[in-house]
Amino acid sequence: MMRPSNPKIRTAAEIAASLEDISATVVLANGCFDLLHPGHVMALQDAREQGDLLVVLLNSDHSVRALKPGRPLYDQDTRARMLAALACVDYVCIFDGPDCADEIMTIAPAIYAKSEEYQGRQDPHEVRALTTVGARIRWQPRVGDWSTSALVAACARAYLAEEGL
């Protein structure tokens, strides 16, 4: 059985086309969202509050593997569907490159929401794209102490304890 498509999951070109006839402050966020946790949800809710519409650029399985050995835990379609299920997310776009500069250029957001932990570690291609489209970077404070890596480690410890290892 084919699963129904989700109207929130689109290509960058499809998202850009849907934005042509509306006047909205578009906020863009990106990430792997490999194991969706409360920190992700709160950051996405905060990003959405900065504008009228939130687009989430999601690293593809290929790009996650290049960034984080042993991951992703969930495939890109599952991760995209989880993000699309959030009320604060208007669109999800899976990107495959080492950066999302092309998608930034295509969608041309007004605001780029990024965790402050990445300040000073920005991808130069993305910075150029953001400058070209005139997007303002909104550095988001880290909320809570959640991290996917910490959750994976906690799950591994719990599994080993349960198995008596």
N, C-alpha and C. Protein backbone atom coordinates (compact mmCIF):
# COMPACT_ATOMS: atom_id res chain seq x y z
N MET A 1 0.84 -1.19 0.00
CA MET A 1 0.00 0.00 0.00
C MET A 1 0.88 1.25 0.00
N MET A 2 0.59 2.17 -0.88
CA MET A 2 1.35 3.42 -0.93
C MET A 2 0.83 4.34 0.17
N ARG A 3 1.75 4.95 0.87
CA ARG A 3 1.30 5.89 1.90
C ARG A 3 0.96 7.23 1.24
N PRO A 4 0.00 7.93 1.79
CA PRO A 4 -0.39 9.21 1.19
C PRO A 4 0.74 10.22 1.32
N SER A 5 0.84 11.09 0.36
CA SER A 5 1.87 12.13 0.42
C SER A 5 1.42 13.18 1.43
N ASN A 6 2.37 13.87 1.98
CA ASN A 6 2.09 14.91 2.94
C ASN A 6 2.27 16.26 2.24
N PRO A 7 1.24 17.09 2.22
CA PRO A 7 1.36 18.38 1.52
C PRO A 7 2.39 19.33 2.12
N LYS A 8 2.84 19.05 3.35
CA LYS A 8 3.86 19.91 3.95
C LYS A 8 5.27 19.55 3.47
N ILE A 9 5.47 18.36 2.94
CA ILE A 9 6.80 17.91 2.52
C ILE A 9 6.95 18.21 1.04
N ARG A 10 7.83 19.16 0.73
CA ARG A 10 7.98 19.68 -0.63
C ARG A 10 9.44 19.89 -0.99
N THR A 11 9.69 20.07 -2.27
CA THR A 11 11.02 20.48 -2.72
C THR A 11 11.16 21.98 -2.48
N ALA A 12 12.38 22.47 -2.52
CA ALA A 12 12.60 23.91 -2.34
C ALA A 12 11.88 24.70 -3.43
N ALA A 13 11.92 24.21 -4.66
CA ALA A 13 11.24 24.90 -5.77
C ALA A 13 9.73 24.95 -5.55
N GLU A 14 9.15 23.86 -5.06
CA GLU A 14 7.71 23.84 -4.79
C GLU A 14 7.34 24.81 -3.67
N ILE A 15 8.18 24.87 -2.65
CA ILE A 15 7.93 25.81 -1.55
C ILE A 15 8.02 27.24 -2.05
N ALA A 16 9.07 27.54 -2.81
CA ALA A 16 9.24 28.89 -3.36
C ALA A 16 8.04 29.28 -4.22
N ALA A 17 7.56 28.37 -5.04
CA ALA A 17 6.41 28.65 -5.90
C ALA A 17 5.16 28.93 -5.07
N SER A 18 4.99 28.21 -3.97
CA SER A 18 3.81 28.42 -3.12
C SER A 18 3.88 29.76 -2.38
N LEU A 19 5.07 30.31 -2.25
CA LEU A 19 5.25 31.58 -1.54
C LEU A 19 5.14 32.79 -2.45
N GLU A 20 5.15 32.58 -3.76
CA GLU A 20 5.17 33.69 -4.72
C GLU A 20 4.00 34.65 -4.57
N ASP A 21 2.84 34.13 -4.30
CA ASP A 21 1.64 34.97 -4.27
C ASP A 21 1.19 35.39 -2.88
N ILE A 22 2.02 35.16 -1.89
CA ILE A 22 1.64 35.57 -0.54
C ILE A 22 2.69 36.51 0.03
N SER A 23 2.24 37.35 0.92
CA SER A 23 3.15 38.25 1.61
C SER A 23 3.30 37.71 3.03
N ALA A 24 4.43 37.08 3.29
CA ALA A 24 4.64 36.45 4.59
C ALA A 24 6.11 36.58 4.98
N THR A 25 6.35 36.68 6.26
CA THR A 25 7.72 36.63 6.76
C THR A 25 8.07 35.16 6.93
N VAL A 26 8.97 34.68 6.07
CA VAL A 26 9.35 33.27 6.05
C VAL A 26 10.57 33.08 6.95
N VAL A 27 10.44 32.13 7.86
CA VAL A 27 11.53 31.75 8.75
C VAL A 27 12.02 30.38 8.29
N LEU A 28 13.33 30.24 8.26
CA LEU A 28 13.95 28.98 7.84
C LEU A 28 14.77 28.42 8.99
N ALA A 29 14.67 27.13 9.20
CA ALA A 29 15.50 26.41 10.17
C ALA A 29 16.00 25.17 9.47
N ASN A 30 17.10 24.62 9.94
CA ASN A 30 17.58 23.38 9.32
C ASN A 30 18.25 22.49 10.36
N GLY A 31 18.37 21.22 9.99
CA GLY A 31 19.03 20.28 10.87
C GLY A 31 18.75 18.84 10.49
N CYS A 32 19.36 17.94 11.26
CA CYS A 32 19.20 16.50 11.03
C CYS A 32 17.93 15.97 11.67
N PHE A 33 17.58 16.49 12.85
CA PHE A 33 16.39 16.07 13.59
C PHE A 33 16.29 14.55 13.61
N ASP A 34 17.42 13.92 13.96
CA ASP A 34 17.54 12.47 13.90
C ASP A 34 16.69 11.77 14.94
N LEU A 35 16.63 12.33 16.10
CA LEU A 35 15.80 11.80 17.17
C LEU A 35 15.11 13.01 17.79
N LEU A 36 13.91 13.28 17.32
CA LEU A 36 13.19 14.49 17.72
C LEU A 36 13.02 14.50 19.23
N HIS A 37 13.45 15.58 19.86
CA HIS A 37 13.36 15.69 21.32
C HIS A 37 12.79 17.06 21.71
N PRO A 38 12.49 17.28 22.99
CA PRO A 38 11.87 18.54 23.41
C PRO A 38 12.66 19.78 23.01
N GLY A 39 13.97 19.72 23.02
CA GLY A 39 14.78 20.87 22.60
C GLY A 39 14.51 21.25 21.15
N HIS A 40 14.39 20.25 20.29
CA HIS A 40 14.06 20.51 18.88
C HIS A 40 12.69 21.18 18.77
N VAL A 41 11.71 20.61 19.45
CA VAL A 41 10.34 21.11 19.35
C VAL A 41 10.26 22.55 19.84
N MET A 42 10.88 22.84 20.97
CA MET A 42 10.85 24.20 21.50
C MET A 42 11.57 25.18 20.58
N ALA A 43 12.68 24.76 20.00
CA ALA A 43 13.41 25.63 19.07
C ALA A 43 12.57 25.90 17.82
N LEU A 44 11.88 24.88 17.32
CA LEU A 44 11.04 25.08 16.14
C LEU A 44 9.84 25.97 16.47
N GLN A 45 9.26 25.80 17.64
CA GLN A 45 8.16 26.67 18.04
C GLN A 45 8.64 28.12 18.14
N ASP A 46 9.81 28.31 18.73
CA ASP A 46 10.38 29.65 18.85
C ASP A 46 10.66 30.24 17.46
N ALA A 47 11.20 29.43 16.56
CA ALA A 47 11.48 29.91 15.20
C ALA A 47 10.18 30.35 14.52
N ARG A 48 9.14 29.56 14.66
CA ARG A 48 7.85 29.88 14.02
C ARG A 48 7.28 31.19 14.55
N GLU A 49 7.51 31.48 15.82
CA GLU A 49 7.01 32.72 16.42
C GLU A 49 7.71 33.96 15.86
N GLN A 50 8.82 33.78 15.16
CA GLN A 50 9.57 34.90 14.62
C GLN A 50 9.00 35.41 13.29
N GLY A 51 8.09 34.64 12.71
CA GLY A 51 7.53 35.05 11.42
C GLY A 51 6.15 34.47 11.20
N ASP A 52 5.76 34.46 9.92
CA ASP A 52 4.42 33.99 9.55
C ASP A 52 4.40 32.54 9.11
N LEU A 53 5.56 32.02 8.74
CA LEU A 53 5.62 30.70 8.12
C LEU A 53 6.99 30.09 8.41
N LEU A 54 7.03 28.82 8.81
CA LEU A 54 8.30 28.14 9.11
C LEU A 54 8.56 27.03 8.11
N VAL A 55 9.73 27.12 7.48
CA VAL A 55 10.22 26.08 6.58
C VAL A 55 11.39 25.40 7.27
N VAL A 56 11.35 24.07 7.36
CA VAL A 56 12.44 23.32 7.96
C VAL A 56 13.17 22.57 6.85
N LEU A 57 14.45 22.85 6.72
CA LEU A 57 15.31 22.11 5.79
C LEU A 57 15.90 20.94 6.57
N LEU A 58 15.65 19.74 6.06
CA LEU A 58 16.03 18.51 6.74
C LEU A 58 17.18 17.83 6.00
N ASN A 59 18.27 17.55 6.71
CA ASN A 59 19.38 16.82 6.10
C ASN A 59 18.91 15.45 5.64
N SER A 60 19.28 15.08 4.42
CA SER A 60 18.97 13.76 3.90
C SER A 60 19.76 12.70 4.66
N ASP A 61 19.39 11.44 4.45
CA ASP A 61 20.14 10.34 5.08
C ASP A 61 21.61 10.42 4.69
N HIS A 62 21.88 10.67 3.43
CA HIS A 62 23.26 10.76 2.94
C HIS A 62 24.03 11.86 3.66
N SER A 63 23.43 13.04 3.79
CA SER A 63 24.15 14.14 4.45
C SER A 63 24.30 13.91 5.94
N VAL A 64 23.33 13.23 6.58
CA VAL A 64 23.48 12.92 8.01
C VAL A 64 24.64 11.95 8.21
N ARG A 65 24.72 10.92 7.35
CA ARG A 65 25.83 9.94 7.47
C ARG A 65 27.19 10.63 7.33
N ALA A 66 27.26 11.64 6.48
CA ALA A 66 28.52 12.37 6.31
C ALA A 66 28.88 13.18 7.54
N LEU A 67 27.88 13.64 8.28
CA LEU A 67 28.10 14.47 9.46
C LEU A 67 28.25 13.68 10.75
N LYS A 68 27.51 12.56 10.85
CA LYS A 68 27.41 11.85 12.11
C LYS A 68 27.49 10.34 11.87
N PRO A 69 28.66 9.76 12.09
CA PRO A 69 28.82 8.32 11.88
C PRO A 69 27.80 7.51 12.68
N GLY A 70 27.28 6.45 12.05
CA GLY A 70 26.32 5.59 12.71
C GLY A 70 24.89 6.10 12.69
N ARG A 71 24.66 7.21 12.07
CA ARG A 71 23.34 7.81 12.02
C ARG A 71 22.96 8.01 10.56
N PRO A 72 21.73 8.22 10.25
CA PRO A 72 20.61 8.54 11.12
C PRO A 72 19.97 7.32 11.75
N LEU A 73 19.26 7.55 12.81
CA LEU A 73 18.50 6.49 13.47
C LEU A 73 17.20 6.23 12.73
N TYR A 74 16.60 7.29 12.24
CA TYR A 74 15.37 7.20 11.43
C TYR A 74 15.70 7.68 10.03
N ASP A 75 15.06 7.06 9.04
CA ASP A 75 15.31 7.48 7.66
C ASP A 75 14.68 8.86 7.40
N GLN A 76 15.11 9.48 6.32
CA GLN A 76 14.70 10.85 6.02
C GLN A 76 13.19 10.99 5.86
N ASP A 77 12.52 10.01 5.30
CA ASP A 77 11.07 10.11 5.13
C ASP A 77 10.35 10.10 6.48
N THR A 78 10.82 9.26 7.39
CA THR A 78 10.24 9.21 8.74
C THR A 78 10.49 10.52 9.46
N ARG A 79 11.73 11.02 9.38
CA ARG A 79 12.05 12.30 10.04
C ARG A 79 11.22 13.43 9.46
N ALA A 80 11.06 13.44 8.13
CA ALA A 80 10.26 14.49 7.48
C ALA A 80 8.81 14.43 7.95
N ARG A 81 8.25 13.23 8.04
CA ARG A 81 6.86 13.08 8.49
C ARG A 81 6.69 13.52 9.94
N MET A 82 7.67 13.22 10.79
CA MET A 82 7.58 13.65 12.19
C MET A 82 7.58 15.18 12.27
N LEU A 83 8.48 15.82 11.52
CA LEU A 83 8.53 17.28 11.53
C LEU A 83 7.25 17.88 10.96
N ALA A 84 6.75 17.30 9.88
CA ALA A 84 5.52 17.81 9.25
C ALA A 84 4.32 17.68 10.18
N ALA A 85 4.36 16.76 11.12
CA ALA A 85 3.25 16.57 12.06
C ALA A 85 3.18 17.68 13.10
N LEU A 86 4.24 18.46 13.24
CA LEU A 86 4.25 19.54 14.22
C LEU A 86 3.44 20.73 13.69
N ALA A 87 2.58 21.27 14.51
CA ALA A 87 1.73 22.39 14.11
C ALA A 87 2.55 23.62 13.74
N CYS A 88 3.70 23.80 14.35
CA CYS A 88 4.51 25.00 14.10
C CYS A 88 5.26 24.95 12.77
N VAL A 89 5.31 23.79 12.14
CA VAL A 89 6.06 23.62 10.89
C VAL A 89 5.09 23.71 9.71
N ASP A 90 5.39 24.63 8.79
CA ASP A 90 4.53 24.81 7.62
C ASP A 90 5.00 23.96 6.44
N TYR A 91 6.32 23.86 6.26
CA TYR A 91 6.88 23.06 5.18
C TYR A 91 8.16 22.37 5.64
N VAL A 92 8.42 21.19 5.06
CA VAL A 92 9.66 20.46 5.27
C VAL A 92 10.26 20.19 3.89
N CYS A 93 11.55 20.44 3.79
CA CYS A 93 12.26 20.20 2.53
C CYS A 93 13.51 19.39 2.85
N ILE A 94 13.66 18.23 2.24
CA ILE A 94 14.84 17.39 2.43
C ILE A 94 15.93 17.87 1.47
N PHE A 95 17.13 18.12 2.02
CA PHE A 95 18.24 18.51 1.15
C PHE A 95 19.37 17.52 1.30
N ASP A 96 20.13 17.36 0.23
CA ASP A 96 21.13 16.29 0.16
C ASP A 96 22.58 16.77 0.20
N GLY A 97 22.81 18.04 0.09
CA GLY A 97 24.18 18.52 -0.01
C GLY A 97 24.87 18.66 1.33
N PRO A 98 26.13 19.07 1.29
CA PRO A 98 26.87 19.30 2.53
C PRO A 98 26.41 20.57 3.25
N ASP A 99 25.66 21.41 2.54
CA ASP A 99 25.09 22.62 3.13
C ASP A 99 23.74 22.88 2.45
N CYS A 100 23.02 23.87 2.94
CA CYS A 100 21.70 24.16 2.38
C CYS A 100 21.67 25.50 1.66
N ALA A 101 22.81 25.92 1.12
CA ALA A 101 22.89 27.21 0.43
C ALA A 101 21.95 27.30 -0.76
N ASP A 102 21.85 26.24 -1.55
CA ASP A 102 20.96 26.27 -2.72
C ASP A 102 19.51 26.44 -2.30
N GLU A 103 19.12 25.75 -1.25
CA GLU A 103 17.74 25.85 -0.76
C GLU A 103 17.47 27.24 -0.19
N ILE A 104 18.45 27.83 0.49
CA ILE A 104 18.31 29.20 1.00
C ILE A 104 18.08 30.15 -0.18
N MET A 105 18.87 30.00 -1.23
CA MET A 105 18.74 30.87 -2.40
C MET A 105 17.36 30.69 -3.05
N THR A 106 16.88 29.48 -3.11
CA THR A 106 15.59 29.21 -3.76
C THR A 106 14.41 29.74 -2.93
N ILE A 107 14.43 29.49 -1.64
CA ILE A 107 13.31 29.87 -0.77
C ILE A 107 13.38 31.33 -0.35
N ALA A 108 14.58 31.87 -0.21
CA ALA A 108 14.81 33.28 0.15
C ALA A 108 14.05 33.70 1.41
N PRO A 109 14.39 33.11 2.55
CA PRO A 109 13.69 33.47 3.79
C PRO A 109 14.05 34.88 4.24
N ALA A 110 13.22 35.42 5.12
CA ALA A 110 13.53 36.71 5.75
C ALA A 110 14.40 36.48 6.98
N ILE A 111 14.17 35.35 7.64
CA ILE A 111 14.87 35.03 8.90
C ILE A 111 15.39 33.61 8.84
N TYR A 112 16.60 33.44 9.33
CA TYR A 112 17.22 32.12 9.44
C TYR A 112 17.43 31.86 10.92
N ALA A 113 16.72 30.88 11.48
CA ALA A 113 16.80 30.57 12.90
C ALA A 113 17.82 29.46 13.11
N LYS A 114 18.80 29.72 13.95
CA LYS A 114 19.88 28.75 14.19
C LYS A 114 20.28 28.81 15.65
N SER A 115 20.57 27.65 16.22
CA SER A 115 20.98 27.59 17.61
C SER A 115 22.27 28.37 17.81
N GLU A 116 22.33 29.10 18.92
CA GLU A 116 23.51 29.91 19.20
C GLU A 116 24.78 29.07 19.36
N GLU A 117 24.63 27.77 19.58
CA GLU A 117 25.81 26.93 19.70
C GLU A 117 26.60 26.85 18.39
N TYR A 118 25.95 27.24 17.27
CA TYR A 118 26.63 27.22 15.97
C TYR A 118 27.24 28.57 15.61
N GLN A 119 27.06 29.56 16.47
CA GLN A 119 27.62 30.88 16.21
C GLN A 119 29.13 30.77 16.08
N GLY A 120 29.67 31.31 15.00
CA GLY A 120 31.11 31.21 14.75
C GLY A 120 31.50 29.94 14.01
N ARG A 121 30.54 29.02 13.81
CA ARG A 121 30.82 27.77 13.09
C ARG A 121 29.88 27.63 11.89
N GLN A 122 29.52 28.74 11.31
CA GLN A 122 28.59 28.72 10.19
C GLN A 122 29.28 28.26 8.91
N ASP A 123 28.52 27.59 8.07
CA ASP A 123 29.01 27.19 6.77
C ASP A 123 29.13 28.45 5.90
N PRO A 124 30.30 28.68 5.28
CA PRO A 124 30.47 29.91 4.49
C PRO A 124 29.54 30.00 3.29
N HIS A 125 29.18 28.87 2.69
CA HIS A 125 28.23 28.89 1.56
C HIS A 125 26.85 29.35 2.02
N GLU A 126 26.44 28.88 3.19
CA GLU A 126 25.15 29.29 3.73
C GLU A 126 25.17 30.77 4.09
N VAL A 127 26.26 31.25 4.68
CA VAL A 127 26.38 32.67 5.04
C VAL A 127 26.26 33.53 3.78
N ARG A 128 26.95 33.13 2.71
CA ARG A 128 26.87 33.88 1.45
C ARG A 128 25.44 33.90 0.91
N ALA A 129 24.78 32.75 0.96
CA ALA A 129 23.40 32.67 0.47
C ALA A 129 22.48 33.55 1.31
N LEU A 130 22.63 33.50 2.62
CA LEU A 130 21.80 34.34 3.50
C LEU A 130 22.02 35.81 3.22
N THR A 131 23.26 36.20 3.01
CA THR A 131 23.58 37.60 2.69
C THR A 131 22.97 37.99 1.35
N THR A 132 23.07 37.11 0.37
CA THR A 132 22.53 37.38 -0.96
C THR A 132 21.02 37.61 -0.94
N VAL A 133 20.29 36.79 -0.17
CA VAL A 133 18.83 36.95 -0.14
C VAL A 133 18.38 37.96 0.91
N GLY A 134 19.32 38.50 1.69
CA GLY A 134 18.99 39.51 2.69
C GLY A 134 18.34 38.97 3.94
N ALA A 135 18.60 37.71 4.26
CA ALA A 135 18.01 37.11 5.46
C ALA A 135 18.77 37.54 6.71
N ARG A 136 18.03 37.72 7.76
CA ARG A 136 18.60 38.05 9.07
C ARG A 136 18.75 36.75 9.86
N ILE A 137 19.90 36.56 10.49
CA ILE A 137 20.10 35.37 11.32
C ILE A 137 19.56 35.66 12.72
N ARG A 138 18.74 34.77 13.20
CA ARG A 138 18.23 34.86 14.57
C ARG A 138 18.87 33.74 15.37
N TRP A 139 19.80 34.11 16.23
CA TRP A 139 20.48 33.12 17.06
C TRP A 139 19.55 32.73 18.19
N GLN A 140 19.22 31.45 18.26
CA GLN A 140 18.30 30.95 19.27
C GLN A 140 19.07 30.43 20.48
N PRO A 141 18.65 30.85 21.67
CA PRO A 141 19.28 30.29 22.86
C PRO A 141 18.94 28.81 22.99
N ARG A 142 19.91 28.05 23.48
CA ARG A 142 19.67 26.63 23.70
C ARG A 142 18.70 26.49 24.87
N VAL A 143 17.68 25.68 24.68
CA VAL A 143 16.66 25.47 25.71
C VAL A 143 16.85 24.07 26.27
N GLY A 144 17.05 23.98 27.56
CA GLY A 144 17.21 22.67 28.17
C GLY A 144 18.56 22.05 27.86
N ASP A 145 18.72 20.84 28.29
CA ASP A 145 19.99 20.14 28.15
C ASP A 145 19.85 18.92 27.25
N TRP A 146 18.92 18.99 26.30
CA TRP A 146 18.67 17.84 25.43
C TRP A 146 19.66 17.81 24.28
N SER A 147 20.04 16.61 23.90
CA SER A 147 20.83 16.42 22.68
C SER A 147 20.58 15.00 22.20
N THR A 148 20.59 14.84 20.89
CA THR A 148 20.37 13.52 20.32
C THR A 148 21.47 12.57 20.77
N SER A 149 22.71 13.04 20.76
CA SER A 149 23.84 12.18 21.17
C SER A 149 23.67 11.70 22.61
N ALA A 150 23.24 12.60 23.49
CA ALA A 150 23.03 12.21 24.89
C ALA A 150 21.88 11.20 25.01
N LEU A 151 20.82 11.39 24.23
CA LEU A 151 19.71 10.45 24.27
C LEU A 151 20.12 9.08 23.75
N VAL A 152 20.90 9.05 22.69
CA VAL A 152 21.38 7.78 22.14
C VAL A 152 22.23 7.06 23.19
N ALA A 153 23.13 7.80 23.85
CA ALA A 153 23.99 7.20 24.87
C ALA A 153 23.15 6.68 26.04
N ALA A 154 22.14 7.43 26.46
CA ALA A 154 21.28 6.99 27.56
C ALA A 154 20.51 5.73 27.18
N CYS A 155 20.04 5.67 25.94
CA CYS A 155 19.33 4.46 25.48
C CYS A 155 20.28 3.26 25.46
N ALA A 156 21.50 3.48 25.01
CA ALA A 156 22.48 2.39 24.97
C ALA A 156 22.76 1.88 26.39
N ARG A 157 22.95 2.81 27.35
CA ARG A 157 23.19 2.42 28.74
C ARG A 157 22.01 1.64 29.30
N ALA A 158 20.80 2.12 29.02
CA ALA A 158 19.61 1.44 29.52
C ALA A 158 19.47 0.05 28.91
N TYR A 159 19.76 -0.08 27.65
CA TYR A 159 19.68 -1.38 26.98
C TYR A 159 20.70 -2.34 27.60
N LEU A 160 21.93 -1.87 27.77
CA LEU A 160 22.98 -2.73 28.35
C LEU A 160 22.61 -3.16 29.77
N ALA A 161 22.05 -2.23 30.55
CA ALA A 161 21.65 -2.56 31.92
C ALA A 161 20.53 -3.60 31.91
N GLU A 162 19.57 -3.40 31.01
CA GLU A 162 18.44 -4.32 30.90
C GLU A 162 18.91 -5.71 30.52
N GLU A 163 19.92 -5.80 29.69
CA GLU A 163 20.45 -7.08 29.24
C GLU A 163 21.50 -7.65 30.20
N GLY A 164 21.78 -6.87 31.25
CA GLY A 164 22.77 -7.33 32.24
C GLY A 164 24.20 -7.30 31.73
N LEU A 165 24.46 -6.41 30.79
CA LEU A 165 25.81 -6.31 30.21
C LEU A 165 26.60 -5.16 30.79
